[in-house]
Amino acid sequence: MFVLCQLREKIAIPPNSTGLAAQETPHHQIDPTGTSSEVVDILENLSKTFVGGILPDTGLVVLVNRLIKISHLYIYPGGGKSWCYVDFLATVFRPSIGIILTGVVIHQCEDGIQLTNGFFDDILVSKENLPEQARFSIHKGWSFSGESNNTTEIQRFETMSIRVVHVEFYERTAQTPRLTCSSADQRSYSMRIRGTILPLTV
């Protein structure tokens, strides 16, 4: 459900962050395992950029764990900032097919049921994945019978478990161009988890 991914990002570092003169900066190497202000600044920068964003075909970034490698700093002509490439580890939420998720019902409509697990809200059980005997009412929402033929009504804010059947990634708008996995574009993507309700025993 949560996996570690190694990512790479190009970031800018203001001149005063290195404590070095501009002509010295290209020769400066930052220790990624250290606790210097440079490392702290880079981690904060990466967290602001990635955490809460969706990486296409990867998942929802929930934490930037640590730095692995930092390239030498470079200064481009006409600019005062230094640039470097950073390799880092991030924790990503992407449930595997078949895994059981528990969530809270936040919306119902004739197309199905939407749930949240507290930090991700695009968890759907479409009507095709509901039991055959399921029925929808605009006043009561979805209801269906269990093995003992007792009718169960799905209530808002009810906790329920589903089995993941599909994880899909999509662009938020049709006009958004398809982009690569960099900090400038991961927030233009969304992830949707589709599931089926576990068999009822009521």
N, C-alpha and C. Protein backbone atom coordinates (compact mmCIF):
# COMPACT_ATOMS: atom_id res chain seq x y z
N MET A 1 0.83 -1.20 0.00
CA MET A 1 0.00 0.00 0.00
C MET A 1 0.87 1.26 0.00
N PHE A 2 1.90 1.25 0.84
CA PHE A 2 2.88 2.34 0.85
C PHE A 2 4.21 1.78 0.36
N VAL A 3 4.80 2.45 -0.62
CA VAL A 3 6.05 1.97 -1.20
C VAL A 3 7.08 3.09 -1.20
N LEU A 4 8.35 2.70 -1.16
CA LEU A 4 9.44 3.65 -1.27
C LEU A 4 9.83 3.79 -2.73
N CYS A 5 9.91 5.01 -3.21
CA CYS A 5 10.31 5.27 -4.59
C CYS A 5 11.53 6.18 -4.60
N GLN A 6 12.45 5.89 -5.50
CA GLN A 6 13.60 6.78 -5.68
C GLN A 6 13.28 7.74 -6.81
N LEU A 7 13.39 9.03 -6.53
CA LEU A 7 13.04 10.07 -7.49
C LEU A 7 14.22 11.01 -7.69
N ARG A 8 14.17 11.76 -8.78
CA ARG A 8 15.21 12.76 -9.07
C ARG A 8 14.54 14.08 -9.41
N GLU A 9 15.12 15.16 -8.91
CA GLU A 9 14.57 16.49 -9.16
C GLU A 9 15.70 17.50 -9.29
N LYS A 10 15.49 18.47 -10.17
CA LYS A 10 16.42 19.59 -10.32
C LYS A 10 15.90 20.74 -9.48
N ILE A 11 16.71 21.24 -8.56
CA ILE A 11 16.25 22.30 -7.67
C ILE A 11 17.21 23.48 -7.69
N ALA A 12 16.68 24.63 -7.30
CA ALA A 12 17.47 25.86 -7.23
C ALA A 12 17.84 26.14 -5.78
N ILE A 13 19.05 26.63 -5.57
CA ILE A 13 19.53 26.99 -4.23
C ILE A 13 19.98 28.44 -4.26
N PRO A 14 19.38 29.32 -3.45
CA PRO A 14 19.79 30.72 -3.42
C PRO A 14 21.26 30.86 -3.04
N PRO A 15 21.94 31.91 -3.51
CA PRO A 15 23.37 32.08 -3.24
C PRO A 15 23.71 32.07 -1.76
N ASN A 16 22.87 32.66 -0.91
CA ASN A 16 23.20 32.73 0.51
C ASN A 16 23.03 31.41 1.23
N SER A 17 22.45 30.39 0.56
CA SER A 17 22.25 29.10 1.21
C SER A 17 23.54 28.31 1.34
N THR A 18 24.48 28.55 0.42
CA THR A 18 25.71 27.78 0.44
C THR A 18 26.78 28.40 1.31
N GLY A 19 26.66 29.71 1.55
CA GLY A 19 27.67 30.39 2.34
C GLY A 19 28.97 30.56 1.59
N LEU A 20 28.94 30.39 0.27
CA LEU A 20 30.14 30.48 -0.54
C LEU A 20 29.99 31.58 -1.57
N ALA A 21 31.11 32.07 -2.04
CA ALA A 21 31.09 33.04 -3.12
C ALA A 21 30.63 32.37 -4.39
N ALA A 22 30.10 33.14 -5.32
CA ALA A 22 29.54 32.56 -6.54
C ALA A 22 30.57 31.76 -7.31
N GLN A 23 31.83 32.26 -7.35
CA GLN A 23 32.82 31.55 -8.13
C GLN A 23 33.23 30.22 -7.49
N GLU A 24 32.94 30.06 -6.18
CA GLU A 24 33.29 28.82 -5.50
C GLU A 24 32.18 27.78 -5.60
N THR A 25 30.97 28.23 -5.84
CA THR A 25 29.80 27.36 -5.77
C THR A 25 29.88 26.14 -6.68
N PRO A 26 30.35 26.24 -7.94
CA PRO A 26 30.39 25.06 -8.79
C PRO A 26 31.26 23.93 -8.24
N HIS A 27 32.17 24.25 -7.31
CA HIS A 27 33.06 23.23 -6.77
C HIS A 27 32.56 22.71 -5.42
N HIS A 28 31.42 23.22 -4.98
CA HIS A 28 30.91 22.86 -3.67
C HIS A 28 30.07 21.59 -3.75
N GLN A 29 30.32 20.64 -2.86
CA GLN A 29 29.58 19.39 -2.83
C GLN A 29 28.86 19.29 -1.49
N ILE A 30 27.55 19.06 -1.52
CA ILE A 30 26.76 18.95 -0.30
C ILE A 30 26.64 17.48 0.08
N ASP A 31 26.87 17.18 1.35
CA ASP A 31 26.73 15.81 1.84
C ASP A 31 25.25 15.51 2.06
N PRO A 32 24.64 14.60 1.29
CA PRO A 32 23.20 14.34 1.42
C PRO A 32 22.82 13.68 2.73
N THR A 33 23.79 13.08 3.42
CA THR A 33 23.49 12.40 4.69
C THR A 33 23.70 13.32 5.88
N GLY A 34 24.13 14.55 5.63
CA GLY A 34 24.42 15.47 6.72
C GLY A 34 23.17 16.15 7.25
N THR A 35 23.38 17.05 8.20
CA THR A 35 22.27 17.80 8.80
C THR A 35 22.48 19.30 8.65
N SER A 36 23.22 19.69 7.63
CA SER A 36 23.49 21.10 7.41
C SER A 36 22.21 21.83 7.01
N SER A 37 22.28 23.17 7.07
CA SER A 37 21.12 23.97 6.68
C SER A 37 20.79 23.76 5.21
N GLU A 38 21.80 23.44 4.41
CA GLU A 38 21.57 23.18 2.98
C GLU A 38 20.68 21.95 2.81
N VAL A 39 20.99 20.88 3.54
CA VAL A 39 20.21 19.65 3.45
C VAL A 39 18.78 19.89 3.93
N VAL A 40 18.65 20.62 5.04
CA VAL A 40 17.32 20.93 5.58
C VAL A 40 16.51 21.73 4.56
N ASP A 41 17.15 22.72 3.93
CA ASP A 41 16.45 23.54 2.94
C ASP A 41 16.00 22.70 1.74
N ILE A 42 16.87 21.79 1.31
CA ILE A 42 16.53 20.94 0.16
C ILE A 42 15.35 20.03 0.50
N LEU A 43 15.37 19.44 1.70
CA LEU A 43 14.27 18.56 2.12
C LEU A 43 12.95 19.34 2.20
N GLU A 44 13.01 20.55 2.73
CA GLU A 44 11.79 21.37 2.82
C GLU A 44 11.29 21.73 1.42
N ASN A 45 12.22 22.04 0.53
CA ASN A 45 11.86 22.38 -0.85
C ASN A 45 11.17 21.20 -1.53
N LEU A 46 11.75 20.02 -1.38
CA LEU A 46 11.17 18.83 -2.00
C LEU A 46 9.81 18.49 -1.40
N SER A 47 9.68 18.65 -0.08
CA SER A 47 8.40 18.35 0.58
C SER A 47 7.30 19.28 0.08
N LYS A 48 7.61 20.57 -0.04
CA LYS A 48 6.61 21.53 -0.52
C LYS A 48 6.21 21.21 -1.96
N THR A 49 7.16 20.72 -2.73
CA THR A 49 6.90 20.45 -4.15
C THR A 49 6.14 19.15 -4.37
N PHE A 50 6.52 18.10 -3.64
CA PHE A 50 6.01 16.77 -3.96
C PHE A 50 4.90 16.27 -3.06
N VAL A 51 4.98 16.53 -1.75
CA VAL A 51 4.01 15.93 -0.82
C VAL A 51 2.60 16.43 -1.14
N GLY A 52 1.68 15.50 -1.29
CA GLY A 52 0.31 15.83 -1.64
C GLY A 52 0.05 15.80 -3.13
N GLY A 53 1.10 15.63 -3.93
CA GLY A 53 0.95 15.58 -5.37
C GLY A 53 0.92 14.15 -5.89
N ILE A 54 0.35 13.98 -7.07
CA ILE A 54 0.26 12.67 -7.71
C ILE A 54 1.34 12.56 -8.78
N LEU A 55 2.14 11.52 -8.71
CA LEU A 55 3.10 11.22 -9.76
C LEU A 55 2.48 10.19 -10.69
N PRO A 56 2.38 10.50 -11.98
CA PRO A 56 1.75 9.57 -12.93
C PRO A 56 2.36 8.18 -12.86
N ASP A 57 1.50 7.17 -12.81
CA ASP A 57 1.90 5.76 -12.78
C ASP A 57 2.72 5.41 -11.55
N THR A 58 2.72 6.28 -10.54
CA THR A 58 3.48 6.02 -9.32
C THR A 58 2.58 6.08 -8.10
N GLY A 59 1.94 7.22 -7.85
CA GLY A 59 1.03 7.32 -6.72
C GLY A 59 1.06 8.66 -6.04
N LEU A 60 0.44 8.73 -4.86
CA LEU A 60 0.35 9.94 -4.06
C LEU A 60 1.56 10.02 -3.13
N VAL A 61 2.34 11.09 -3.25
CA VAL A 61 3.51 11.27 -2.39
C VAL A 61 3.04 11.75 -1.02
N VAL A 62 3.38 11.00 0.03
CA VAL A 62 2.96 11.37 1.38
C VAL A 62 4.12 11.82 2.26
N LEU A 63 5.36 11.50 1.85
CA LEU A 63 6.51 11.87 2.68
C LEU A 63 7.79 11.83 1.86
N VAL A 64 8.62 12.85 2.03
CA VAL A 64 9.98 12.81 1.50
C VAL A 64 10.87 12.30 2.62
N ASN A 65 11.44 11.11 2.45
CA ASN A 65 12.15 10.44 3.53
C ASN A 65 13.56 10.97 3.75
N ARG A 66 14.39 10.89 2.72
CA ARG A 66 15.78 11.32 2.88
C ARG A 66 16.42 11.52 1.52
N LEU A 67 17.54 12.23 1.55
CA LEU A 67 18.31 12.46 0.34
C LEU A 67 19.29 11.30 0.13
N ILE A 68 19.52 10.98 -1.13
CA ILE A 68 20.47 9.92 -1.47
C ILE A 68 21.73 10.49 -2.09
N LYS A 69 21.54 11.40 -3.02
CA LYS A 69 22.69 11.94 -3.75
C LYS A 69 22.37 13.36 -4.20
N ILE A 70 23.38 14.22 -4.10
CA ILE A 70 23.26 15.60 -4.57
C ILE A 70 24.41 15.88 -5.52
N SER A 71 24.10 16.33 -6.70
CA SER A 71 25.15 16.61 -7.67
C SER A 71 25.91 17.88 -7.29
N HIS A 72 27.00 18.15 -7.98
CA HIS A 72 27.70 19.42 -7.80
C HIS A 72 26.76 20.57 -8.16
N LEU A 73 26.97 21.71 -7.55
CA LEU A 73 26.15 22.88 -7.82
C LEU A 73 26.63 23.57 -9.09
N TYR A 74 25.67 24.07 -9.86
CA TYR A 74 25.99 24.75 -11.11
C TYR A 74 25.31 26.11 -11.12
N ILE A 75 25.98 27.08 -11.74
CA ILE A 75 25.40 28.41 -11.93
C ILE A 75 25.33 28.67 -13.43
N TYR A 76 24.13 29.01 -13.90
CA TYR A 76 23.98 29.34 -15.30
C TYR A 76 24.27 30.83 -15.50
N PRO A 77 24.83 31.19 -16.65
CA PRO A 77 25.15 32.61 -16.91
C PRO A 77 23.92 33.49 -16.75
N GLY A 78 24.10 34.62 -16.07
CA GLY A 78 23.02 35.57 -15.90
C GLY A 78 22.11 35.28 -14.73
N GLY A 79 22.40 34.24 -13.97
CA GLY A 79 21.54 33.91 -12.83
C GLY A 79 22.34 33.88 -11.54
N GLY A 80 21.70 34.24 -10.45
CA GLY A 80 22.39 34.25 -9.17
C GLY A 80 22.22 32.97 -8.38
N LYS A 81 21.28 32.12 -8.81
CA LYS A 81 21.01 30.90 -8.07
C LYS A 81 21.92 29.76 -8.51
N SER A 82 22.15 28.83 -7.59
CA SER A 82 22.84 27.59 -7.93
C SER A 82 21.79 26.52 -8.21
N TRP A 83 22.15 25.57 -9.06
CA TRP A 83 21.24 24.48 -9.41
C TRP A 83 21.94 23.16 -9.17
N CYS A 84 21.16 22.17 -8.77
CA CYS A 84 21.74 20.83 -8.62
C CYS A 84 20.64 19.79 -8.83
N TYR A 85 21.07 18.57 -9.11
CA TYR A 85 20.16 17.44 -9.23
C TYR A 85 20.19 16.66 -7.92
N VAL A 86 19.00 16.31 -7.43
CA VAL A 86 18.89 15.61 -6.16
C VAL A 86 18.18 14.28 -6.37
N ASP A 87 18.80 13.20 -5.92
CA ASP A 87 18.14 11.90 -5.86
C ASP A 87 17.67 11.69 -4.43
N PHE A 88 16.42 11.27 -4.27
CA PHE A 88 15.87 11.13 -2.92
C PHE A 88 14.85 10.01 -2.86
N LEU A 89 14.56 9.57 -1.64
CA LEU A 89 13.56 8.55 -1.40
C LEU A 89 12.28 9.20 -0.90
N ALA A 90 11.14 8.75 -1.42
CA ALA A 90 9.84 9.26 -1.00
C ALA A 90 8.89 8.10 -0.75
N THR A 91 8.03 8.27 0.24
CA THR A 91 6.98 7.28 0.50
C THR A 91 5.75 7.64 -0.32
N VAL A 92 5.27 6.66 -1.08
CA VAL A 92 4.16 6.88 -2.01
C VAL A 92 3.01 5.93 -1.68
N PHE A 93 1.81 6.47 -1.69
CA PHE A 93 0.60 5.66 -1.47
C PHE A 93 0.06 5.19 -2.81
N ARG A 94 0.07 3.87 -2.99
CA ARG A 94 -0.54 3.26 -4.17
C ARG A 94 -0.87 1.81 -3.83
N PRO A 95 -2.13 1.54 -3.50
CA PRO A 95 -2.50 0.18 -3.10
C PRO A 95 -2.42 -0.80 -4.26
N SER A 96 -2.04 -2.02 -3.95
CA SER A 96 -1.95 -3.07 -4.96
C SER A 96 -3.34 -3.63 -5.25
N ILE A 97 -3.50 -4.20 -6.43
CA ILE A 97 -4.76 -4.85 -6.79
C ILE A 97 -4.99 -6.03 -5.84
N GLY A 98 -6.20 -6.10 -5.31
CA GLY A 98 -6.56 -7.19 -4.41
C GLY A 98 -6.43 -6.86 -2.94
N ILE A 99 -5.76 -5.75 -2.61
CA ILE A 99 -5.58 -5.39 -1.21
C ILE A 99 -6.89 -4.86 -0.63
N ILE A 100 -7.07 -5.02 0.68
CA ILE A 100 -8.27 -4.55 1.36
C ILE A 100 -8.04 -3.15 1.91
N LEU A 101 -8.93 -2.22 1.57
CA LEU A 101 -8.88 -0.86 2.09
C LEU A 101 -10.12 -0.60 2.95
N THR A 102 -9.93 0.15 4.01
CA THR A 102 -11.04 0.58 4.85
C THR A 102 -11.20 2.08 4.72
N GLY A 103 -12.42 2.52 4.46
CA GLY A 103 -12.67 3.94 4.29
C GLY A 103 -14.01 4.34 4.85
N VAL A 104 -14.28 5.64 4.78
CA VAL A 104 -15.53 6.21 5.27
C VAL A 104 -16.32 6.75 4.09
N VAL A 105 -17.60 6.45 4.04
CA VAL A 105 -18.46 6.90 2.95
C VAL A 105 -18.65 8.42 3.05
N ILE A 106 -18.35 9.13 1.96
CA ILE A 106 -18.53 10.58 1.96
C ILE A 106 -19.53 11.05 0.91
N HIS A 107 -19.90 10.15 -0.02
CA HIS A 107 -20.86 10.57 -1.05
C HIS A 107 -21.47 9.34 -1.70
N GLN A 108 -22.76 9.47 -2.04
CA GLN A 108 -23.46 8.42 -2.79
C GLN A 108 -24.26 9.06 -3.91
N CYS A 109 -24.29 8.39 -5.04
CA CYS A 109 -25.14 8.82 -6.15
C CYS A 109 -25.47 7.58 -6.96
N GLU A 110 -26.24 7.74 -8.01
CA GLU A 110 -26.65 6.57 -8.78
C GLU A 110 -25.49 5.90 -9.50
N ASP A 111 -24.34 6.58 -9.57
CA ASP A 111 -23.17 5.98 -10.21
C ASP A 111 -22.35 5.12 -9.26
N GLY A 112 -22.58 5.27 -7.94
CA GLY A 112 -21.83 4.46 -6.99
C GLY A 112 -21.59 5.16 -5.67
N ILE A 113 -20.53 4.73 -4.98
CA ILE A 113 -20.21 5.21 -3.63
C ILE A 113 -18.78 5.72 -3.61
N GLN A 114 -18.58 6.88 -2.97
CA GLN A 114 -17.24 7.45 -2.83
C GLN A 114 -16.82 7.38 -1.37
N LEU A 115 -15.53 7.00 -1.15
CA LEU A 115 -15.00 6.88 0.20
C LEU A 115 -13.72 7.69 0.35
N THR A 116 -13.35 7.92 1.61
CA THR A 116 -12.06 8.52 1.93
C THR A 116 -11.39 7.67 3.01
N ASN A 117 -10.06 7.62 2.97
CA ASN A 117 -9.34 6.92 4.04
C ASN A 117 -8.69 7.91 5.00
N GLY A 118 -9.07 9.18 4.88
CA GLY A 118 -8.54 10.20 5.77
C GLY A 118 -7.56 11.14 5.10
N PHE A 119 -6.85 10.65 4.08
CA PHE A 119 -5.92 11.52 3.36
C PHE A 119 -6.05 11.40 1.85
N PHE A 120 -6.91 10.49 1.40
CA PHE A 120 -7.15 10.33 -0.03
C PHE A 120 -8.64 10.08 -0.25
N ASP A 121 -9.26 10.93 -1.11
CA ASP A 121 -10.72 10.93 -1.23
C ASP A 121 -11.25 10.30 -2.51
N ASP A 122 -10.37 9.93 -3.42
CA ASP A 122 -10.85 9.43 -4.72
C ASP A 122 -10.88 7.90 -4.72
N ILE A 123 -11.65 7.33 -3.80
CA ILE A 123 -11.84 5.89 -3.70
C ILE A 123 -13.29 5.61 -4.07
N LEU A 124 -13.51 4.86 -5.13
CA LEU A 124 -14.86 4.70 -5.67
C LEU A 124 -15.26 3.23 -5.76
N VAL A 125 -16.53 3.00 -5.46
CA VAL A 125 -17.17 1.72 -5.75
C VAL A 125 -18.28 2.04 -6.74
N SER A 126 -18.04 1.76 -8.01
CA SER A 126 -19.05 2.08 -9.03
C SER A 126 -20.20 1.08 -8.95
N LYS A 127 -21.32 1.43 -9.53
CA LYS A 127 -22.50 0.57 -9.44
C LYS A 127 -22.25 -0.80 -10.07
N GLU A 128 -21.31 -0.86 -11.04
CA GLU A 128 -20.98 -2.14 -11.65
C GLU A 128 -20.29 -3.07 -10.66
N ASN A 129 -19.67 -2.49 -9.63
CA ASN A 129 -18.96 -3.29 -8.63
C ASN A 129 -19.75 -3.49 -7.35
N LEU A 130 -21.01 -3.07 -7.35
CA LEU A 130 -21.89 -3.32 -6.22
C LEU A 130 -22.61 -4.66 -6.42
N PRO A 131 -23.13 -5.26 -5.35
CA PRO A 131 -23.87 -6.52 -5.50
C PRO A 131 -25.04 -6.36 -6.47
N GLU A 132 -25.39 -7.45 -7.14
CA GLU A 132 -26.45 -7.40 -8.16
C GLU A 132 -27.77 -6.89 -7.59
N GLN A 133 -28.03 -7.21 -6.32
CA GLN A 133 -29.31 -6.81 -5.72
C GLN A 133 -29.30 -5.39 -5.18
N ALA A 134 -28.21 -4.65 -5.38
CA ALA A 134 -28.12 -3.29 -4.85
C ALA A 134 -29.12 -2.37 -5.54
N ARG A 135 -29.70 -1.48 -4.76
CA ARG A 135 -30.67 -0.53 -5.27
C ARG A 135 -30.33 0.86 -4.74
N PHE A 136 -30.57 1.87 -5.59
CA PHE A 136 -30.26 3.24 -5.18
C PHE A 136 -31.53 4.06 -5.02
N SER A 137 -31.57 4.86 -3.94
CA SER A 137 -32.67 5.78 -3.69
C SER A 137 -32.08 7.17 -3.46
N ILE A 138 -32.66 8.18 -4.08
CA ILE A 138 -32.13 9.53 -3.90
C ILE A 138 -32.31 10.01 -2.47
N HIS A 139 -33.19 9.37 -1.72
CA HIS A 139 -33.44 9.77 -0.34
C HIS A 139 -32.59 8.97 0.66
N LYS A 140 -32.31 7.70 0.35
CA LYS A 140 -31.60 6.85 1.30
C LYS A 140 -30.24 6.38 0.83
N GLY A 141 -29.93 6.58 -0.44
CA GLY A 141 -28.66 6.09 -0.96
C GLY A 141 -28.76 4.63 -1.38
N TRP A 142 -27.64 3.91 -1.29
CA TRP A 142 -27.59 2.52 -1.74
C TRP A 142 -27.99 1.56 -0.61
N SER A 143 -28.66 0.50 -1.01
CA SER A 143 -29.03 -0.56 -0.06
C SER A 143 -29.01 -1.89 -0.80
N PHE A 144 -28.74 -2.96 -0.06
CA PHE A 144 -28.74 -4.30 -0.65
C PHE A 144 -28.85 -5.32 0.46
N SER A 145 -29.12 -6.56 0.07
CA SER A 145 -29.35 -7.63 1.03
C SER A 145 -28.10 -8.48 1.20
N GLY A 146 -27.91 -8.96 2.44
CA GLY A 146 -26.81 -9.86 2.72
C GLY A 146 -27.23 -11.31 2.59
N GLU A 147 -26.40 -12.21 3.13
CA GLU A 147 -26.67 -13.65 2.99
C GLU A 147 -27.95 -14.06 3.70
N SER A 148 -28.33 -13.35 4.76
CA SER A 148 -29.54 -13.70 5.50
C SER A 148 -30.76 -12.92 5.02
N ASN A 149 -30.60 -12.23 3.87
CA ASN A 149 -31.69 -11.46 3.25
C ASN A 149 -32.10 -10.23 4.05
N ASN A 150 -31.31 -9.85 5.05
CA ASN A 150 -31.58 -8.60 5.74
C ASN A 150 -31.07 -7.44 4.89
N THR A 151 -31.86 -6.39 4.81
CA THR A 151 -31.49 -5.24 3.99
C THR A 151 -30.52 -4.33 4.74
N THR A 152 -29.44 -3.97 4.07
CA THR A 152 -28.45 -3.06 4.64
C THR A 152 -28.44 -1.76 3.85
N GLU A 153 -28.59 -0.65 4.55
CA GLU A 153 -28.53 0.66 3.92
C GLU A 153 -27.17 1.29 4.21
N ILE A 154 -26.53 1.77 3.17
CA ILE A 154 -25.23 2.42 3.32
C ILE A 154 -25.46 3.85 3.79
N GLN A 155 -24.87 4.19 4.93
CA GLN A 155 -25.05 5.51 5.52
C GLN A 155 -23.82 6.38 5.27
N ARG A 156 -24.05 7.68 5.18
CA ARG A 156 -22.94 8.62 5.07
C ARG A 156 -22.10 8.56 6.35
N PHE A 157 -20.79 8.61 6.19
CA PHE A 157 -19.81 8.52 7.27
C PHE A 157 -19.72 7.11 7.85
N GLU A 158 -20.35 6.16 7.20
CA GLU A 158 -20.22 4.76 7.62
C GLU A 158 -18.85 4.23 7.20
N THR A 159 -18.26 3.41 8.05
CA THR A 159 -16.98 2.78 7.72
C THR A 159 -17.23 1.46 7.01
N MET A 160 -16.54 1.25 5.90
CA MET A 160 -16.71 0.01 5.16
C MET A 160 -15.39 -0.40 4.52
N SER A 161 -15.28 -1.68 4.21
CA SER A 161 -14.06 -2.23 3.60
C SER A 161 -14.32 -2.62 2.16
N ILE A 162 -13.33 -2.38 1.31
CA ILE A 162 -13.44 -2.74 -0.10
C ILE A 162 -12.18 -3.49 -0.52
N ARG A 163 -12.30 -4.22 -1.62
CA ARG A 163 -11.14 -4.86 -2.23
C ARG A 163 -10.78 -4.09 -3.50
N VAL A 164 -9.54 -3.65 -3.61
CA VAL A 164 -9.10 -2.85 -4.75
C VAL A 164 -9.09 -3.70 -6.01
N VAL A 165 -9.74 -3.19 -7.07
CA VAL A 165 -9.77 -3.91 -8.35
C VAL A 165 -9.05 -3.16 -9.46
N HIS A 166 -8.82 -1.85 -9.24
CA HIS A 166 -8.15 -1.08 -10.30
C HIS A 166 -7.63 0.23 -9.72
N VAL A 167 -6.45 0.64 -10.18
CA VAL A 167 -5.88 1.95 -9.84
C VAL A 167 -5.56 2.65 -11.15
N GLU A 168 -6.11 3.84 -11.34
CA GLU A 168 -5.92 4.54 -12.60
C GLU A 168 -5.41 5.95 -12.37
N PHE A 169 -4.67 6.46 -13.35
CA PHE A 169 -4.16 7.82 -13.31
C PHE A 169 -4.74 8.58 -14.50
N TYR A 170 -5.07 9.83 -14.27
CA TYR A 170 -5.66 10.62 -15.34
C TYR A 170 -5.30 12.08 -15.17
N GLU A 171 -5.32 12.81 -16.27
CA GLU A 171 -5.08 14.24 -16.23
C GLU A 171 -6.34 14.95 -15.77
N ARG A 172 -6.17 15.99 -14.98
CA ARG A 172 -7.33 16.64 -14.36
C ARG A 172 -8.24 17.33 -15.36
N THR A 173 -7.69 17.85 -16.44
CA THR A 173 -8.51 18.47 -17.47
C THR A 173 -8.06 17.96 -18.83
N ALA A 174 -8.98 17.96 -19.76
CA ALA A 174 -8.66 17.47 -21.10
C ALA A 174 -7.64 18.38 -21.78
N GLN A 175 -7.57 19.65 -21.33
CA GLN A 175 -6.67 20.60 -21.97
C GLN A 175 -5.24 20.51 -21.42
N THR A 176 -5.06 19.81 -20.30
CA THR A 176 -3.74 19.74 -19.69
C THR A 176 -2.84 18.84 -20.52
N PRO A 177 -1.69 19.33 -21.00
CA PRO A 177 -0.80 18.49 -21.80
C PRO A 177 -0.19 17.38 -20.97
N ARG A 178 0.14 16.26 -21.59
CA ARG A 178 0.76 15.16 -20.90
C ARG A 178 2.20 15.53 -20.59
N LEU A 179 2.58 15.41 -19.33
CA LEU A 179 3.89 15.85 -18.90
C LEU A 179 4.64 14.70 -18.24
N THR A 180 5.91 14.94 -17.95
CA THR A 180 6.72 13.92 -17.31
C THR A 180 6.68 14.10 -15.80
N CYS A 181 7.34 13.19 -15.08
CA CYS A 181 7.30 13.20 -13.62
C CYS A 181 8.29 14.19 -13.04
N SER A 182 8.04 15.46 -13.16
CA SER A 182 8.89 16.46 -12.52
C SER A 182 8.04 17.32 -11.62
N SER A 183 8.69 18.13 -10.80
CA SER A 183 7.95 18.92 -9.81
C SER A 183 6.98 19.89 -10.45
N ALA A 184 7.19 20.23 -11.71
CA ALA A 184 6.34 21.23 -12.35
C ALA A 184 5.01 20.66 -12.80
N ASP A 185 4.87 19.32 -12.83
CA ASP A 185 3.68 18.79 -13.45
C ASP A 185 2.92 17.75 -12.66
N GLN A 186 3.47 17.20 -11.55
CA GLN A 186 2.79 16.08 -10.94
C GLN A 186 1.44 16.47 -10.37
N ARG A 187 1.21 17.75 -10.07
CA ARG A 187 -0.06 18.16 -9.50
C ARG A 187 -1.15 18.31 -10.55
N SER A 188 -0.84 18.14 -11.84
CA SER A 188 -1.87 18.18 -12.86
C SER A 188 -2.50 16.81 -13.07
N TYR A 189 -2.03 15.83 -12.32
CA TYR A 189 -2.56 14.47 -12.43
C TYR A 189 -3.36 14.11 -11.19
N SER A 190 -4.26 13.16 -11.36
CA SER A 190 -5.00 12.60 -10.24
C SER A 190 -4.93 11.08 -10.31
N MET A 191 -5.19 10.45 -9.18
CA MET A 191 -5.24 8.99 -9.11
C MET A 191 -6.62 8.59 -8.60
N ARG A 192 -7.15 7.52 -9.14
CA ARG A 192 -8.45 7.03 -8.70
C ARG A 192 -8.33 5.54 -8.38
N ILE A 193 -8.86 5.19 -7.21
CA ILE A 193 -8.86 3.79 -6.78
C ILE A 193 -10.28 3.26 -6.90
N ARG A 194 -10.42 2.16 -7.60
CA ARG A 194 -11.74 1.53 -7.74
C ARG A 194 -11.75 0.20 -6.98
N GLY A 195 -12.87 -0.05 -6.33
CA GLY A 195 -12.94 -1.27 -5.53
C GLY A 195 -14.31 -1.90 -5.58
N THR A 196 -14.40 -3.05 -4.95
CA THR A 196 -15.67 -3.76 -4.83
C THR A 196 -15.92 -4.03 -3.36
N ILE A 197 -17.17 -3.96 -2.94
CA ILE A 197 -17.52 -4.18 -1.54
C ILE A 197 -17.30 -5.65 -1.18
N LEU A 198 -16.74 -5.88 -0.01
CA LEU A 198 -16.54 -7.25 0.45
C LEU A 198 -17.90 -7.89 0.73
N PRO A 199 -18.01 -9.22 0.58
CA PRO A 199 -19.30 -9.90 0.81
C PRO A 199 -19.87 -9.59 2.18
N LEU A 200 -21.16 -9.30 2.22
CA LEU A 200 -21.82 -8.99 3.48
C LEU A 200 -22.23 -10.28 4.18
N THR A 201 -22.24 -10.24 5.50
CA THR A 201 -22.64 -11.42 6.28
C THR A 201 -23.85 -11.13 7.16
N VAL A 202 -24.51 -10.00 6.90
CA VAL A 202 -25.66 -9.64 7.73
C VAL A 202 -26.85 -10.51 7.38
